[in-house]
Amino acid sequence: MPSQRLLEQRKADLARKLPEPLETVRGTLVERYLTCGKPACRCHATGARHGPYHYLLTTTAPGKTRTTLVPAEQLGRVRRWIANFQRFKEVSEKITELNTELVRVSRTERRAQGASGSRR
């Protein structure tokens, strides 16, 4: 079983991998090609749709999905934010696992100290 000090060091190492919280967004980027409402447009005649248009899909409570059109000049930024959020989530989960392990180690070490103290 790893020591508390080792677990704390692992947490500190993970914390350094966290992205800047202000550079995150939870969601999915979707690419769509659309048919417009103009009957004389080429998209109706040839089936060649307009696009691509990129949308950020985010889920909000209670279970509604919000769709936001992403301008082409913001596309790289939004992709980076989504990747940062995924990394934030993954690292946070690992830190949570280490915190749970810290609770176990602390309890075990306290028991061991109590057992050695009661032998006196």
N, C-alpha and C. Protein backbone atom coordinates (compact mmCIF):
# COMPACT_ATOMS: atom_id res chain seq x y z
N MET A 1 0.85 -1.17 0.00
CA MET A 1 0.00 0.00 0.00
C MET A 1 0.90 1.25 0.00
N PRO A 2 0.66 2.19 -0.92
CA PRO A 2 1.51 3.39 -0.98
C PRO A 2 1.32 4.28 0.26
N SER A 3 2.34 5.04 0.55
CA SER A 3 2.28 5.94 1.72
C SER A 3 1.48 7.19 1.38
N GLN A 4 1.08 7.90 2.43
CA GLN A 4 0.36 9.16 2.23
C GLN A 4 1.21 10.14 1.44
N ARG A 5 2.48 10.19 1.75
CA ARG A 5 3.38 11.13 1.06
C ARG A 5 3.44 10.84 -0.43
N LEU A 6 3.54 9.56 -0.80
CA LEU A 6 3.58 9.17 -2.21
C LEU A 6 2.27 9.53 -2.91
N LEU A 7 1.14 9.28 -2.25
CA LEU A 7 -0.15 9.61 -2.84
C LEU A 7 -0.31 11.12 -3.03
N GLU A 8 0.15 11.89 -2.04
CA GLU A 8 0.09 13.35 -2.16
C GLU A 8 0.96 13.84 -3.32
N GLN A 9 2.12 13.20 -3.51
CA GLN A 9 3.00 13.56 -4.62
C GLN A 9 2.33 13.26 -5.96
N ARG A 10 1.68 12.12 -6.05
CA ARG A 10 0.97 11.76 -7.29
C ARG A 10 -0.13 12.78 -7.59
N LYS A 11 -0.85 13.21 -6.54
CA LYS A 11 -1.89 14.22 -6.72
C LYS A 11 -1.30 15.54 -7.23
N ALA A 12 -0.18 15.94 -6.65
CA ALA A 12 0.46 17.18 -7.08
C ALA A 12 0.90 17.08 -8.54
N ASP A 13 1.43 15.92 -8.92
CA ASP A 13 1.84 15.71 -10.32
C ASP A 13 0.64 15.82 -11.26
N LEU A 14 -0.48 15.22 -10.86
CA LEU A 14 -1.69 15.29 -11.67
C LEU A 14 -2.23 16.72 -11.75
N ALA A 15 -2.20 17.43 -10.64
CA ALA A 15 -2.72 18.80 -10.60
C ALA A 15 -1.98 19.69 -11.61
N ARG A 16 -0.70 19.43 -11.80
CA ARG A 16 0.06 20.21 -12.78
C ARG A 16 -0.40 19.93 -14.21
N LYS A 17 -1.08 18.82 -14.43
CA LYS A 17 -1.57 18.47 -15.77
C LYS A 17 -2.95 19.05 -16.07
N LEU A 18 -3.58 19.65 -15.06
CA LEU A 18 -4.91 20.22 -15.27
C LEU A 18 -4.82 21.42 -16.20
N PRO A 19 -5.75 21.50 -17.15
CA PRO A 19 -5.77 22.67 -18.03
C PRO A 19 -6.33 23.88 -17.29
N GLU A 20 -6.12 25.04 -17.85
CA GLU A 20 -6.67 26.27 -17.30
C GLU A 20 -8.20 26.17 -17.30
N PRO A 21 -8.84 26.29 -16.13
CA PRO A 21 -10.31 26.12 -16.06
C PRO A 21 -11.09 27.08 -16.95
N LEU A 22 -10.55 28.26 -17.19
CA LEU A 22 -11.25 29.23 -18.04
C LEU A 22 -11.16 28.88 -19.52
N GLU A 23 -10.39 27.86 -19.86
CA GLU A 23 -10.21 27.43 -21.25
C GLU A 23 -10.88 26.08 -21.49
N THR A 24 -12.05 25.88 -20.91
CA THR A 24 -12.77 24.61 -21.08
C THR A 24 -14.21 24.86 -21.44
N VAL A 25 -14.79 23.89 -22.14
CA VAL A 25 -16.23 23.88 -22.39
C VAL A 25 -16.67 22.42 -22.50
N ARG A 26 -17.80 22.11 -21.87
CA ARG A 26 -18.34 20.76 -21.95
C ARG A 26 -19.27 20.72 -23.14
N GLY A 27 -19.05 19.75 -24.01
CA GLY A 27 -19.92 19.64 -25.16
C GLY A 27 -19.32 18.79 -26.25
N THR A 28 -20.04 18.73 -27.35
CA THR A 28 -19.65 17.96 -28.52
C THR A 28 -19.74 18.87 -29.72
N LEU A 29 -18.77 18.79 -30.59
CA LEU A 29 -18.79 19.56 -31.82
C LEU A 29 -19.38 18.71 -32.93
N VAL A 30 -20.39 19.26 -33.61
CA VAL A 30 -21.08 18.53 -34.66
C VAL A 30 -20.96 19.32 -35.97
N GLU A 31 -20.71 18.61 -37.06
CA GLU A 31 -20.63 19.22 -38.38
C GLU A 31 -21.89 18.87 -39.15
N ARG A 32 -22.54 19.89 -39.71
CA ARG A 32 -23.78 19.66 -40.46
C ARG A 32 -23.74 20.34 -41.82
N TYR A 33 -24.41 19.71 -42.76
CA TYR A 33 -24.64 20.28 -44.08
C TYR A 33 -26.15 20.43 -44.22
N LEU A 34 -26.59 21.60 -44.64
CA LEU A 34 -28.02 21.90 -44.61
C LEU A 34 -28.59 22.24 -45.98
N THR A 35 -29.88 22.00 -46.10
CA THR A 35 -30.66 22.42 -47.26
C THR A 35 -31.39 23.69 -46.85
N CYS A 36 -31.28 24.74 -47.66
CA CYS A 36 -31.90 26.00 -47.29
C CYS A 36 -33.39 26.03 -47.68
N GLY A 37 -34.03 27.13 -47.40
CA GLY A 37 -35.46 27.26 -47.66
C GLY A 37 -35.79 27.89 -49.01
N LYS A 38 -34.79 28.15 -49.84
CA LYS A 38 -35.03 28.77 -51.15
C LYS A 38 -35.26 27.67 -52.19
N PRO A 39 -36.47 27.56 -52.73
CA PRO A 39 -36.78 26.48 -53.68
C PRO A 39 -35.91 26.50 -54.94
N ALA A 40 -35.42 27.67 -55.37
CA ALA A 40 -34.62 27.74 -56.59
C ALA A 40 -33.13 27.51 -56.36
N CYS A 41 -32.73 27.28 -55.13
CA CYS A 41 -31.31 27.11 -54.80
C CYS A 41 -30.77 25.77 -55.31
N ARG A 42 -29.49 25.74 -55.58
CA ARG A 42 -28.83 24.53 -56.07
C ARG A 42 -28.94 23.37 -55.10
N CYS A 43 -29.08 23.66 -53.81
CA CYS A 43 -29.14 22.57 -52.83
C CYS A 43 -30.40 21.73 -53.02
N HIS A 44 -31.45 22.31 -53.55
CA HIS A 44 -32.67 21.54 -53.84
C HIS A 44 -32.54 20.79 -55.17
N ALA A 45 -31.93 21.45 -56.14
CA ALA A 45 -31.82 20.86 -57.48
C ALA A 45 -30.78 19.76 -57.55
N THR A 46 -29.63 19.97 -56.92
CA THR A 46 -28.52 19.01 -57.07
C THR A 46 -28.28 18.15 -55.84
N GLY A 47 -28.84 18.55 -54.73
CA GLY A 47 -28.60 17.80 -53.49
C GLY A 47 -27.30 18.20 -52.82
N ALA A 48 -26.57 19.17 -53.42
CA ALA A 48 -25.33 19.67 -52.83
C ALA A 48 -25.71 20.66 -51.72
N ARG A 49 -25.61 20.22 -50.51
CA ARG A 49 -26.05 21.03 -49.37
C ARG A 49 -25.05 22.13 -49.02
N HIS A 50 -25.51 23.10 -48.25
CA HIS A 50 -24.67 24.19 -47.75
C HIS A 50 -23.91 23.72 -46.52
N GLY A 51 -22.69 24.21 -46.38
CA GLY A 51 -21.93 23.86 -45.19
C GLY A 51 -20.48 23.62 -45.52
N PRO A 52 -19.73 23.16 -44.60
CA PRO A 52 -20.19 22.65 -43.31
C PRO A 52 -20.47 23.79 -42.32
N TYR A 53 -21.43 23.54 -41.45
CA TYR A 53 -21.71 24.40 -40.32
C TYR A 53 -21.36 23.60 -39.08
N HIS A 54 -20.73 24.24 -38.13
CA HIS A 54 -20.31 23.55 -36.91
C HIS A 54 -21.14 24.05 -35.74
N TYR A 55 -21.62 23.10 -34.95
CA TYR A 55 -22.46 23.41 -33.80
C TYR A 55 -21.85 22.79 -32.55
N LEU A 56 -21.92 23.54 -31.48
CA LEU A 56 -21.52 23.03 -30.17
C LEU A 56 -22.78 22.57 -29.48
N LEU A 57 -22.82 21.28 -29.13
CA LEU A 57 -23.96 20.72 -28.42
C LEU A 57 -23.59 20.59 -26.95
N THR A 58 -24.37 21.20 -26.09
CA THR A 58 -24.14 21.09 -24.65
C THR A 58 -25.44 20.68 -23.98
N THR A 59 -25.32 19.87 -22.96
CA THR A 59 -26.49 19.41 -22.22
C THR A 59 -26.67 20.29 -21.00
N THR A 60 -27.88 20.76 -20.82
CA THR A 60 -28.20 21.55 -19.64
C THR A 60 -29.35 20.88 -18.91
N ALA A 61 -29.50 21.20 -17.65
CA ALA A 61 -30.58 20.60 -16.85
C ALA A 61 -31.91 21.16 -17.32
N PRO A 62 -32.96 20.45 -17.29
CA PRO A 62 -33.10 19.02 -17.02
C PRO A 62 -33.07 18.20 -18.31
N GLY A 63 -31.90 17.86 -18.77
CA GLY A 63 -31.74 16.98 -19.92
C GLY A 63 -31.97 17.62 -21.28
N LYS A 64 -32.02 18.93 -21.36
CA LYS A 64 -32.21 19.61 -22.65
C LYS A 64 -30.85 19.86 -23.27
N THR A 65 -30.78 19.68 -24.58
CA THR A 65 -29.54 19.92 -25.30
C THR A 65 -29.61 21.30 -25.93
N ARG A 66 -28.57 22.06 -25.70
CA ARG A 66 -28.50 23.42 -26.24
C ARG A 66 -27.54 23.39 -27.42
N THR A 67 -27.91 24.01 -28.52
CA THR A 67 -27.10 24.03 -29.73
C THR A 67 -26.65 25.46 -30.00
N THR A 68 -25.34 25.62 -30.23
CA THR A 68 -24.77 26.93 -30.50
C THR A 68 -23.95 26.86 -31.77
N LEU A 69 -24.26 27.72 -32.74
CA LEU A 69 -23.49 27.79 -33.98
C LEU A 69 -22.11 28.34 -33.67
N VAL A 70 -21.07 27.67 -34.16
CA VAL A 70 -19.69 28.09 -33.92
C VAL A 70 -19.16 28.74 -35.20
N PRO A 71 -18.81 30.02 -35.14
CA PRO A 71 -18.23 30.66 -36.32
C PRO A 71 -16.92 29.99 -36.71
N ALA A 72 -16.63 29.97 -38.00
CA ALA A 72 -15.44 29.28 -38.52
C ALA A 72 -14.16 29.76 -37.82
N GLU A 73 -14.07 31.05 -37.53
CA GLU A 73 -12.85 31.58 -36.90
C GLU A 73 -12.70 31.15 -35.45
N GLN A 74 -13.76 30.62 -34.84
CA GLN A 74 -13.71 30.14 -33.45
C GLN A 74 -13.55 28.62 -33.35
N LEU A 75 -13.58 27.94 -34.47
CA LEU A 75 -13.57 26.48 -34.50
C LEU A 75 -12.38 25.86 -33.77
N GLY A 76 -11.17 26.33 -34.05
CA GLY A 76 -9.98 25.80 -33.39
C GLY A 76 -10.02 26.01 -31.89
N ARG A 77 -10.47 27.17 -31.49
CA ARG A 77 -10.57 27.50 -30.07
C ARG A 77 -11.56 26.59 -29.36
N VAL A 78 -12.72 26.37 -29.97
CA VAL A 78 -13.74 25.51 -29.37
C VAL A 78 -13.25 24.07 -29.29
N ARG A 79 -12.58 23.61 -30.31
CA ARG A 79 -12.01 22.25 -30.27
C ARG A 79 -11.02 22.11 -29.11
N ARG A 80 -10.19 23.12 -28.92
CA ARG A 80 -9.21 23.11 -27.82
C ARG A 80 -9.93 23.12 -26.47
N TRP A 81 -10.97 23.91 -26.34
CA TRP A 81 -11.73 23.97 -25.09
C TRP A 81 -12.36 22.62 -24.77
N ILE A 82 -12.91 21.96 -25.78
CA ILE A 82 -13.54 20.64 -25.57
C ILE A 82 -12.48 19.63 -25.13
N ALA A 83 -11.32 19.64 -25.79
CA ALA A 83 -10.23 18.72 -25.42
C ALA A 83 -9.75 19.01 -24.00
N ASN A 84 -9.67 20.30 -23.64
CA ASN A 84 -9.27 20.67 -22.28
C ASN A 84 -10.27 20.16 -21.25
N PHE A 85 -11.55 20.25 -21.57
CA PHE A 85 -12.56 19.77 -20.64
C PHE A 85 -12.42 18.27 -20.43
N GLN A 86 -12.19 17.52 -21.51
CA GLN A 86 -12.02 16.07 -21.40
C GLN A 86 -10.80 15.75 -20.54
N ARG A 87 -9.71 16.47 -20.75
CA ARG A 87 -8.51 16.25 -19.95
C ARG A 87 -8.78 16.61 -18.49
N PHE A 88 -9.50 17.71 -18.25
CA PHE A 88 -9.86 18.13 -16.90
C PHE A 88 -10.65 17.03 -16.20
N LYS A 89 -11.61 16.45 -16.92
CA LYS A 89 -12.43 15.38 -16.37
C LYS A 89 -11.59 14.15 -16.01
N GLU A 90 -10.72 13.74 -16.92
CA GLU A 90 -9.89 12.56 -16.69
C GLU A 90 -8.95 12.75 -15.50
N VAL A 91 -8.29 13.90 -15.44
CA VAL A 91 -7.35 14.15 -14.35
C VAL A 91 -8.12 14.27 -13.03
N SER A 92 -9.27 14.91 -13.04
CA SER A 92 -10.09 15.04 -11.82
C SER A 92 -10.50 13.67 -11.29
N GLU A 93 -10.85 12.76 -12.18
CA GLU A 93 -11.21 11.40 -11.76
C GLU A 93 -10.03 10.70 -11.10
N LYS A 94 -8.85 10.87 -11.67
CA LYS A 94 -7.65 10.24 -11.09
C LYS A 94 -7.35 10.83 -9.72
N ILE A 95 -7.51 12.14 -9.58
CA ILE A 95 -7.28 12.79 -8.28
C ILE A 95 -8.30 12.27 -7.27
N THR A 96 -9.54 12.09 -7.69
CA THR A 96 -10.57 11.55 -6.81
C THR A 96 -10.20 10.16 -6.32
N GLU A 97 -9.69 9.33 -7.23
CA GLU A 97 -9.25 7.97 -6.84
C GLU A 97 -8.12 8.04 -5.82
N LEU A 98 -7.18 8.95 -6.03
CA LEU A 98 -6.07 9.10 -5.07
C LEU A 98 -6.58 9.60 -3.72
N ASN A 99 -7.54 10.52 -3.72
CA ASN A 99 -8.10 11.00 -2.45
C ASN A 99 -8.79 9.87 -1.70
N THR A 100 -9.49 9.01 -2.42
CA THR A 100 -10.13 7.86 -1.79
C THR A 100 -9.08 6.93 -1.19
N GLU A 101 -8.00 6.73 -1.93
CA GLU A 101 -6.90 5.89 -1.43
C GLU A 101 -6.25 6.54 -0.20
N LEU A 102 -6.14 7.86 -0.19
CA LEU A 102 -5.60 8.56 0.98
C LEU A 102 -6.44 8.31 2.22
N VAL A 103 -7.74 8.28 2.06
CA VAL A 103 -8.62 8.00 3.20
C VAL A 103 -8.35 6.60 3.72
N ARG A 104 -8.22 5.64 2.80
CA ARG A 104 -7.93 4.25 3.22
C ARG A 104 -6.59 4.15 3.93
N VAL A 105 -5.56 4.77 3.36
CA VAL A 105 -4.22 4.71 3.94
C VAL A 105 -4.22 5.36 5.31
N SER A 106 -4.87 6.49 5.43
CA SER A 106 -4.93 7.19 6.71
C SER A 106 -5.60 6.32 7.77
N ARG A 107 -6.69 5.69 7.39
CA ARG A 107 -7.40 4.81 8.33
C ARG A 107 -6.52 3.63 8.74
N THR A 108 -5.84 3.03 7.78
CA THR A 108 -4.97 1.89 8.05
C THR A 108 -3.80 2.30 8.94
N GLU A 109 -3.21 3.46 8.67
CA GLU A 109 -2.09 3.93 9.48
C GLU A 109 -2.55 4.25 10.90
N ARG A 110 -3.74 4.82 11.05
CA ARG A 110 -4.27 5.10 12.38
C ARG A 110 -4.49 3.82 13.16
N ARG A 111 -5.03 2.79 12.50
CA ARG A 111 -5.23 1.50 13.15
C ARG A 111 -3.91 0.91 13.60
N ALA A 112 -2.90 1.02 12.71
CA ALA A 112 -1.59 0.47 13.04
C ALA A 112 -0.98 1.20 14.23
N GLN A 113 -1.14 2.51 14.27
CA GLN A 113 -0.63 3.29 15.41
C GLN A 113 -1.40 2.94 16.68
N GLY A 114 -2.69 2.76 16.57
CA GLY A 114 -3.51 2.39 17.73
C GLY A 114 -3.13 1.03 18.26
N ALA A 115 -2.87 0.09 17.36
CA ALA A 115 -2.49 -1.27 17.76
C ALA A 115 -1.14 -1.27 18.44
N SER A 116 -0.21 -0.49 17.91
CA SER A 116 1.12 -0.45 18.52
C SER A 116 1.07 0.29 19.85
N GLY A 117 0.17 1.28 19.98
CA GLY A 117 0.04 2.02 21.22
C GLY A 117 -0.64 1.21 22.31
N SER A 118 -1.51 0.27 21.95
CA SER A 118 -2.22 -0.52 22.95
C SER A 118 -1.37 -1.65 23.49
N ARG A 119 -0.24 -1.94 22.84
CA ARG A 119 0.64 -3.01 23.30
C ARG A 119 1.51 -2.58 24.46
N ARG A 120 1.61 -1.32 24.70
CA ARG A 120 2.49 -0.83 25.76
C ARG A 120 2.04 -1.22 27.12
